[in-house]
Amino acid sequence: MSTTEPLSAQDESLLSVAGPLSYAKGHGTGNDFVLISDPDDKHDLSPEQVAAICDRHRGIGGDGLIRAVPSKYLAEGREILEAQPEARWFMDYRNGDGSMSEMCGNGVRVFVHFLVSEKLVDLPVGAELFIGTRAGLKIVTRLADGYSVDMGPWEFIYPEAAGKSGLDSVVQTEGLPVPRAAVSVSMGNPHTIVAVASQAELDDLELFTIPAVDPLPPHGTNVEYVLPAEPLVEGGRGSLRMRVHERGVGETLSCGTGACAAAVATRHWAHAQNVANWEVAVPGGVLGIRFAPGAGGAEHVFLSGAAVLVARGSISAD
C-alpha cells in the first residue's frame, strides 16, 4: 500500500501488524475477495484491519477477506477435524466491513482455487476436498470449468410460519413502494428472500440502503430479491434472476449461499420440489444449483460456478 498523503491511524495500525503481507485477489461471478495464506496462524487480522484492506478506495478492495489457515489453529476447525481429519484447511471468512461471517458460497470456491494455485493442496478434476468453515464441513469437487460445493442441508429459519404460508417476514426496500412479504432460509448463514413482479422492479431496487427486515434474524440477514423466469421450468431446469444486499457489505454482484436460498424459496413458493436443477442469474454471471439427498437423508444443496484469481501483491509500509 502506498500513498502521497500521511497515513491515517487506521492505516498505520494495519501496516504495523500485517505488513509485509502477500495476498491474491479473486472472484466468483463477480463476488470478489482478498485472499491470504496463513499456514502458521500469524495473521489473525482485526475487524479494523480487514475493513481497511477491503476498502475500495484506500485499500485493495473486496466484498470480503478470506484467510487460509490450518483448521487445527481454530476452535471451530478442531471440532470439524474430530469428525473429518482430512479437513486440514479452514476458510476464515470476514465481510468487507470486518465482521465475521459463517459462510460464503462463492468464497469457498475461490478459496479452494487459491489453495490449488498456492500448491497447498493437490486437487485434480473430479477430486473432492474437505474444507472447514464456521458453517461446518464443506465438500468441494473440482470440475473442468469451476467447482461444485456441497453446501449441506437448508432449513427455514422460522419453520412454522414458512410451512403454513410460505412467508414469515416483511421487508421494506428502497425502490419498492410498499413492504413485501418474504421467507427466511438458513444455508448456514441467514437469508431473507423477496419475490419481485417484473424486471423493472428488480432493476429499480436501491440496494445501497440496508433493507428493513421484520422480524430480523438474531445475527442479521442477507436479503435476496428474485424474479422467477417465465416459464419457471423448462427442459427440467428451473431458472430465476436475483439481486442481493449482503449484510456487512451492501449490494454485491453475486452471493452463492443467497442463490441457494433463492432457489429454495422459489421452489417452495411454486410447489416445484420435484425440480432438482436450477439456474440463478446474478449481475456477475450464472450459478448452478442442484438439490439431492445428503448424509442422513436430509436434502442438500449443491452450488457450482467458476472461480478466478486476477491479481497478486503485498501490503507493506513501502
Protein backbone atom coordinates (compact mmCIF):
# COMPACT_ATOMS: atom_id res chain seq x y z
CA MET A 1 0.00 0.00 0.00
CA SER A 2 1.44 3.38 -0.97
CA THR A 3 0.17 6.94 -0.67
CA THR A 4 1.25 10.53 -1.17
CA GLU A 5 -0.74 11.58 1.90
CA PRO A 6 0.10 10.96 5.58
CA LEU A 7 -1.08 7.57 6.80
CA SER A 8 -4.20 7.56 8.92
CA ALA A 9 -4.10 5.93 12.35
CA GLN A 10 -6.09 3.04 10.88
CA ASP A 11 -3.58 2.62 8.02
CA GLU A 12 -0.60 2.73 10.41
CA SER A 13 -2.21 0.06 12.59
CA LEU A 14 -2.84 -2.11 9.56
CA LEU A 15 0.68 -1.86 8.23
CA SER A 16 2.44 -2.31 11.56
CA VAL A 17 0.65 -5.61 12.18
CA ALA A 18 0.02 -7.05 8.74
CA GLY A 19 2.84 -5.91 6.52
CA PRO A 20 4.51 -7.11 4.52
CA LEU A 21 1.67 -9.46 3.78
CA SER A 22 1.22 -11.30 0.48
CA TYR A 23 -2.27 -11.59 -0.94
CA ALA A 24 -4.21 -12.67 -4.01
CA LYS A 25 -7.38 -11.12 -5.40
CA GLY A 26 -10.10 -13.37 -6.79
CA HIS A 27 -13.79 -13.54 -7.59
CA GLY A 28 -16.66 -15.95 -8.19
CA THR A 29 -19.24 -14.49 -10.60
CA GLY A 30 -18.13 -11.00 -9.55
CA ASN A 31 -18.24 -11.62 -5.78
CA ASP A 32 -14.66 -10.55 -5.02
CA PHE A 33 -12.27 -11.37 -2.20
CA VAL A 34 -8.80 -10.67 -0.85
CA LEU A 35 -7.12 -14.00 -0.04
CA ILE A 36 -4.28 -14.53 2.41
CA SER A 37 -2.29 -17.71 3.03
CA ASP A 38 -1.53 -18.11 6.74
CA PRO A 39 -0.18 -21.64 7.33
CA ASP A 40 1.34 -20.70 10.70
CA ASP A 41 -1.60 -18.64 12.06
CA LYS A 42 0.40 -15.40 12.20
CA HIS A 43 -2.14 -13.03 10.62
CA ASP A 44 -5.38 -13.13 12.59
CA LEU A 45 -6.43 -9.67 11.44
CA SER A 46 -8.66 -7.36 13.47
CA PRO A 47 -12.01 -6.15 12.08
CA GLU A 48 -10.46 -2.71 11.51
CA GLN A 49 -7.58 -4.20 9.52
CA VAL A 50 -9.93 -6.31 7.40
CA ALA A 51 -12.11 -3.27 6.67
CA ALA A 52 -9.02 -1.24 5.69
CA ILE A 53 -7.81 -3.95 3.29
CA CYS A 54 -11.29 -4.37 1.75
CA ASP A 55 -11.84 -0.61 1.34
CA ARG A 56 -12.24 0.03 -2.40
CA HIS A 57 -10.65 3.49 -2.29
CA ARG A 58 -7.92 3.30 0.37
CA GLY A 59 -7.22 -0.42 0.33
CA ILE A 60 -7.20 -3.33 -2.10
CA GLY A 61 -10.97 -3.63 -2.28
CA GLY A 62 -13.23 -6.62 -1.87
CA ASP A 63 -16.60 -7.89 -0.70
CA GLY A 64 -14.70 -9.88 1.90
CA LEU A 65 -11.38 -11.26 3.08
CA ILE A 66 -10.54 -14.96 3.28
CA ARG A 67 -7.66 -16.25 5.38
CA ALA A 68 -6.43 -19.76 4.59
CA VAL A 69 -5.40 -21.17 7.95
CA PRO A 70 -4.96 -24.78 9.12
CA SER A 71 -8.07 -26.00 10.93
CA LYS A 72 -6.02 -27.05 13.96
CA TYR A 73 -5.45 -23.40 14.94
CA LEU A 74 -9.15 -22.54 15.40
CA ALA A 75 -11.65 -23.96 17.89
CA GLU A 76 -14.25 -24.38 15.14
CA GLY A 77 -11.66 -26.09 12.97
CA ARG A 78 -10.57 -28.51 15.67
CA GLU A 79 -14.18 -29.52 16.18
CA ILE A 80 -14.52 -30.30 12.47
CA LEU A 81 -11.21 -32.23 12.49
CA GLU A 82 -12.61 -34.56 15.14
CA ALA A 83 -15.30 -35.68 12.69
CA GLN A 84 -13.27 -35.35 9.47
CA PRO A 85 -9.46 -35.45 9.91
CA GLU A 86 -8.97 -34.65 6.21
CA ALA A 87 -10.42 -31.14 6.65
CA ARG A 88 -6.94 -29.68 7.05
CA TRP A 89 -7.72 -26.17 5.82
CA PHE A 90 -10.20 -23.71 7.33
CA MET A 91 -11.84 -20.83 5.44
CA ASP A 92 -11.63 -17.91 7.89
CA TYR A 93 -14.08 -15.56 6.16
CA ARG A 94 -14.77 -11.91 7.06
CA ASN A 95 -17.22 -9.49 5.47
CA GLY A 96 -15.90 -6.33 3.87
CA ASP A 97 -16.70 -4.30 7.00
CA GLY A 98 -14.56 -6.65 9.11
CA SER A 99 -17.44 -8.53 10.71
CA MET A 100 -17.39 -12.31 10.99
CA SER A 101 -19.44 -14.47 8.64
CA GLU A 102 -20.31 -18.14 8.83
CA MET A 103 -20.02 -18.99 5.17
CA CYS A 104 -19.78 -17.70 1.59
CA GLY A 105 -20.69 -19.96 -1.32
CA ASN A 106 -18.76 -18.01 -3.94
CA GLY A 107 -15.94 -17.51 -1.46
CA VAL A 108 -15.41 -21.21 -0.78
CA ARG A 109 -14.92 -21.90 -4.50
CA VAL A 110 -12.40 -19.08 -4.80
CA PHE A 111 -10.76 -20.23 -1.56
CA VAL A 112 -10.21 -23.75 -2.91
CA HIS A 113 -8.93 -22.35 -6.21
CA PHE A 114 -6.47 -20.26 -4.18
CA LEU A 115 -5.29 -23.34 -2.25
CA VAL A 116 -4.72 -25.14 -5.56
CA SER A 117 -2.92 -22.15 -7.07
CA GLU A 118 -0.69 -21.81 -3.99
CA LYS A 119 0.10 -25.55 -4.24
CA LEU A 120 -1.20 -26.01 -0.72
CA VAL A 121 -3.43 -28.84 -1.97
CA ASP A 122 -3.43 -31.20 -4.96
CA LEU A 123 -6.91 -31.38 -6.47
CA PRO A 124 -7.28 -32.89 -9.95
CA VAL A 125 -10.54 -32.59 -11.88
CA GLY A 126 -13.14 -34.87 -10.31
CA ALA A 127 -11.44 -35.00 -6.89
CA GLU A 128 -13.01 -33.84 -3.61
CA LEU A 129 -11.57 -31.61 -0.89
CA PHE A 130 -12.85 -31.28 2.68
CA ILE A 131 -12.90 -27.70 3.99
CA GLY A 132 -13.69 -26.35 7.45
CA THR A 133 -15.94 -23.29 7.78
CA ARG A 134 -17.93 -21.63 10.55
CA ALA A 135 -20.99 -23.21 8.95
CA GLY A 136 -19.43 -26.67 9.34
CA LEU A 137 -17.70 -29.07 6.96
CA LYS A 138 -17.97 -28.35 3.23
CA ILE A 139 -17.05 -30.78 0.46
CA VAL A 140 -15.74 -29.18 -2.74
CA THR A 141 -15.37 -31.03 -6.05
CA ARG A 142 -13.18 -29.69 -8.82
CA LEU A 143 -14.93 -29.50 -12.20
CA ALA A 144 -13.43 -28.94 -15.64
CA ASP A 145 -14.73 -25.36 -15.62
CA GLY A 146 -15.00 -24.49 -11.92
CA TYR A 147 -16.01 -26.08 -8.63
CA SER A 148 -19.09 -27.66 -7.07
CA VAL A 149 -19.73 -27.28 -3.34
CA ASP A 150 -21.95 -29.45 -1.18
CA MET A 151 -23.46 -26.62 0.85
CA GLY A 152 -25.18 -29.04 3.20
CA PRO A 153 -28.86 -29.04 4.19
CA TRP A 154 -31.06 -25.96 4.03
CA GLU A 155 -33.72 -25.06 6.58
CA PHE A 156 -36.34 -22.41 7.22
CA ILE A 157 -35.35 -20.00 9.98
CA TYR A 158 -39.00 -19.77 11.10
CA PRO A 159 -40.28 -23.21 10.01
CA GLU A 160 -43.78 -22.99 11.49
CA ALA A 161 -44.63 -19.73 9.70
CA ALA A 162 -42.90 -20.68 6.45
CA GLY A 163 -44.61 -24.05 6.37
CA LYS A 164 -48.09 -22.56 6.72
CA SER A 165 -47.99 -19.71 4.21
CA GLY A 166 -44.55 -19.76 2.61
CA LEU A 167 -43.95 -16.34 4.18
CA ASP A 168 -42.61 -15.37 7.60
CA SER A 169 -41.38 -11.76 7.49
CA VAL A 170 -41.82 -8.33 5.93
CA VAL A 171 -39.10 -6.34 4.12
CA GLN A 172 -39.07 -2.61 3.38
CA THR A 173 -36.75 -1.77 0.46
CA GLU A 174 -35.77 1.49 -1.21
CA GLY A 175 -37.19 1.36 -4.73
CA LEU A 176 -40.28 -0.66 -3.77
CA PRO A 177 -43.29 1.48 -2.82
CA VAL A 178 -44.65 -0.84 -0.11
CA PRO A 179 -43.20 -3.50 2.20
CA ARG A 180 -43.12 -7.01 0.75
CA ALA A 181 -43.65 -10.36 2.43
CA ALA A 182 -40.63 -12.67 2.46
CA VAL A 183 -39.37 -16.04 3.66
CA SER A 184 -36.24 -16.68 5.73
CA VAL A 185 -33.85 -19.52 4.84
CA SER A 186 -30.63 -20.67 6.51
CA MET A 187 -27.77 -22.02 4.43
CA GLY A 188 -25.51 -21.99 7.48
CA ASN A 189 -25.89 -18.22 7.26
CA PRO A 190 -29.20 -16.30 7.23
CA HIS A 191 -31.13 -15.17 4.14
CA THR A 192 -34.43 -13.38 3.59
CA ILE A 193 -35.95 -13.82 0.12
CA VAL A 194 -38.38 -11.41 -1.51
CA ALA A 195 -40.16 -12.04 -4.83
CA VAL A 196 -40.50 -9.16 -7.29
CA ALA A 197 -43.11 -8.93 -10.04
CA SER A 198 -41.13 -7.68 -13.03
CA GLN A 199 -37.71 -6.96 -14.46
CA ALA A 200 -38.39 -3.26 -13.93
CA GLU A 201 -38.98 -3.82 -10.22
CA LEU A 202 -35.74 -5.79 -9.99
CA ASP A 203 -33.82 -3.09 -11.85
CA ASP A 204 -35.27 -0.22 -9.78
CA LEU A 205 -34.20 -1.56 -6.38
CA GLU A 206 -31.88 0.79 -4.49
CA LEU A 207 -29.73 -1.65 -2.56
CA PHE A 208 -27.16 0.81 -1.25
CA THR A 209 -29.58 1.25 1.68
CA ILE A 210 -29.92 -1.62 4.17
CA PRO A 211 -33.38 -3.21 3.78
CA ALA A 212 -35.52 -3.20 6.94
CA VAL A 213 -36.48 -6.79 7.84
CA ASP A 214 -39.13 -7.67 10.43
CA PRO A 215 -38.53 -9.93 12.25
CA LEU A 216 -34.77 -9.64 11.83
CA PRO A 217 -32.84 -12.89 12.46
CA PRO A 218 -30.58 -12.67 15.55
CA HIS A 219 -27.35 -12.15 13.59
CA GLY A 220 -28.79 -10.03 10.80
CA THR A 221 -29.58 -11.31 7.33
CA ASN A 222 -28.71 -11.18 3.64
CA VAL A 223 -31.68 -10.07 1.53
CA GLU A 224 -32.27 -11.60 -1.90
CA TYR A 225 -34.74 -10.29 -4.49
CA VAL A 226 -35.83 -12.88 -7.02
CA LEU A 227 -37.64 -12.77 -10.33
CA PRO A 228 -38.77 -16.23 -11.48
CA ALA A 229 -38.40 -16.95 -15.19
CA GLU A 230 -41.46 -17.33 -17.42
CA PRO A 231 -41.90 -20.24 -17.79
CA LEU A 232 -40.29 -21.09 -14.45
CA VAL A 233 -39.24 -24.60 -15.51
CA GLU A 234 -38.06 -25.51 -18.99
CA GLY A 235 -36.36 -28.74 -20.01
CA GLY A 236 -36.47 -29.95 -16.43
CA ARG A 237 -34.49 -26.96 -15.14
CA GLY A 238 -35.84 -24.04 -13.12
CA SER A 239 -34.44 -20.56 -13.57
CA LEU A 240 -34.61 -17.16 -11.93
CA ARG A 241 -32.84 -13.82 -11.71
CA MET A 242 -31.55 -12.35 -8.44
CA ARG A 243 -30.06 -9.27 -6.82
CA VAL A 244 -28.76 -9.24 -3.26
CA HIS A 245 -27.92 -6.95 -0.37
CA GLU A 246 -25.28 -8.74 1.75
CA ARG A 247 -25.04 -7.93 5.44
CA GLY A 248 -21.81 -6.14 6.25
CA VAL A 249 -21.13 -5.40 2.57
CA GLY A 250 -24.04 -3.88 0.65
CA GLU A 251 -25.10 -4.93 -2.84
CA THR A 252 -22.75 -7.43 -4.44
CA LEU A 253 -22.60 -8.85 -7.95
CA SER A 254 -23.27 -12.33 -6.64
CA CYS A 255 -23.94 -14.36 -3.49
CA GLY A 256 -23.54 -18.13 -3.62
CA THR A 257 -25.43 -19.01 -0.43
CA GLY A 258 -28.02 -16.41 -1.46
CA ALA A 259 -28.51 -18.12 -4.83
CA CYS A 260 -29.08 -21.41 -2.98
CA ALA A 261 -31.59 -19.78 -0.62
CA ALA A 262 -33.36 -18.06 -3.55
CA ALA A 263 -33.78 -21.41 -5.31
CA VAL A 264 -35.10 -22.96 -2.08
CA ALA A 265 -37.69 -20.19 -1.68
CA THR A 266 -38.77 -20.14 -5.34
CA ARG A 267 -39.14 -23.90 -5.46
CA HIS A 268 -41.21 -23.77 -2.24
CA TRP A 269 -43.49 -20.98 -3.47
CA ALA A 270 -44.04 -22.71 -6.84
CA HIS A 271 -44.60 -26.16 -5.28
CA ALA A 272 -41.81 -27.36 -7.57
CA GLN A 273 -39.99 -29.63 -5.11
CA ASN A 274 -39.62 -32.24 -7.86
CA VAL A 275 -37.33 -29.88 -9.84
CA ALA A 276 -33.76 -30.70 -8.78
CA ASN A 277 -31.72 -28.43 -11.07
CA TRP A 278 -31.83 -24.64 -11.11
CA GLU A 279 -30.02 -21.80 -12.81
CA VAL A 280 -29.68 -18.49 -10.97
CA ALA A 281 -28.62 -15.43 -12.97
CA VAL A 282 -26.93 -12.73 -10.88
CA PRO A 283 -25.37 -9.46 -12.10
CA GLY A 284 -21.94 -11.15 -12.10
CA GLY A 285 -22.85 -14.28 -14.05
CA VAL A 286 -24.73 -17.55 -13.68
CA LEU A 287 -24.67 -20.11 -10.86
CA GLY A 288 -25.88 -23.70 -10.90
CA ILE A 289 -27.97 -25.11 -8.03
CA ARG A 290 -28.77 -28.79 -7.53
CA PHE A 291 -30.89 -30.45 -4.84
CA ALA A 292 -30.03 -34.02 -3.87
CA PRO A 293 -30.17 -36.32 -0.83
CA GLY A 294 -27.21 -35.92 1.52
CA ALA A 295 -25.85 -37.67 4.57
CA GLY A 296 -28.55 -38.81 6.98
CA GLY A 297 -31.27 -38.47 4.34
CA ALA A 298 -31.56 -34.67 4.59
CA GLU A 299 -31.82 -32.75 1.33
CA HIS A 300 -28.56 -30.97 0.48
CA VAL A 301 -27.93 -28.05 -1.87
CA PHE A 302 -25.02 -28.19 -4.32
CA LEU A 303 -23.65 -24.91 -5.72
CA SER A 304 -21.49 -24.79 -8.86
CA GLY A 305 -19.72 -21.99 -10.67
CA ALA A 306 -16.44 -20.50 -11.76
CA ALA A 307 -13.58 -19.26 -9.58
CA VAL A 308 -10.95 -16.82 -10.85
CA LEU A 309 -7.75 -15.29 -9.46
CA VAL A 310 -6.99 -11.93 -11.05
CA ALA A 311 -4.04 -10.40 -9.17
CA ARG A 312 -1.32 -10.87 -6.56
CA GLY A 313 0.58 -8.36 -4.46
CA SER A 314 1.70 -7.43 -0.97
CA ILE A 315 0.59 -4.98 1.69
CA SER A 316 3.52 -3.14 3.24
CA ALA A 317 4.60 0.17 4.67
CA ASP A 318 6.58 0.78 1.47
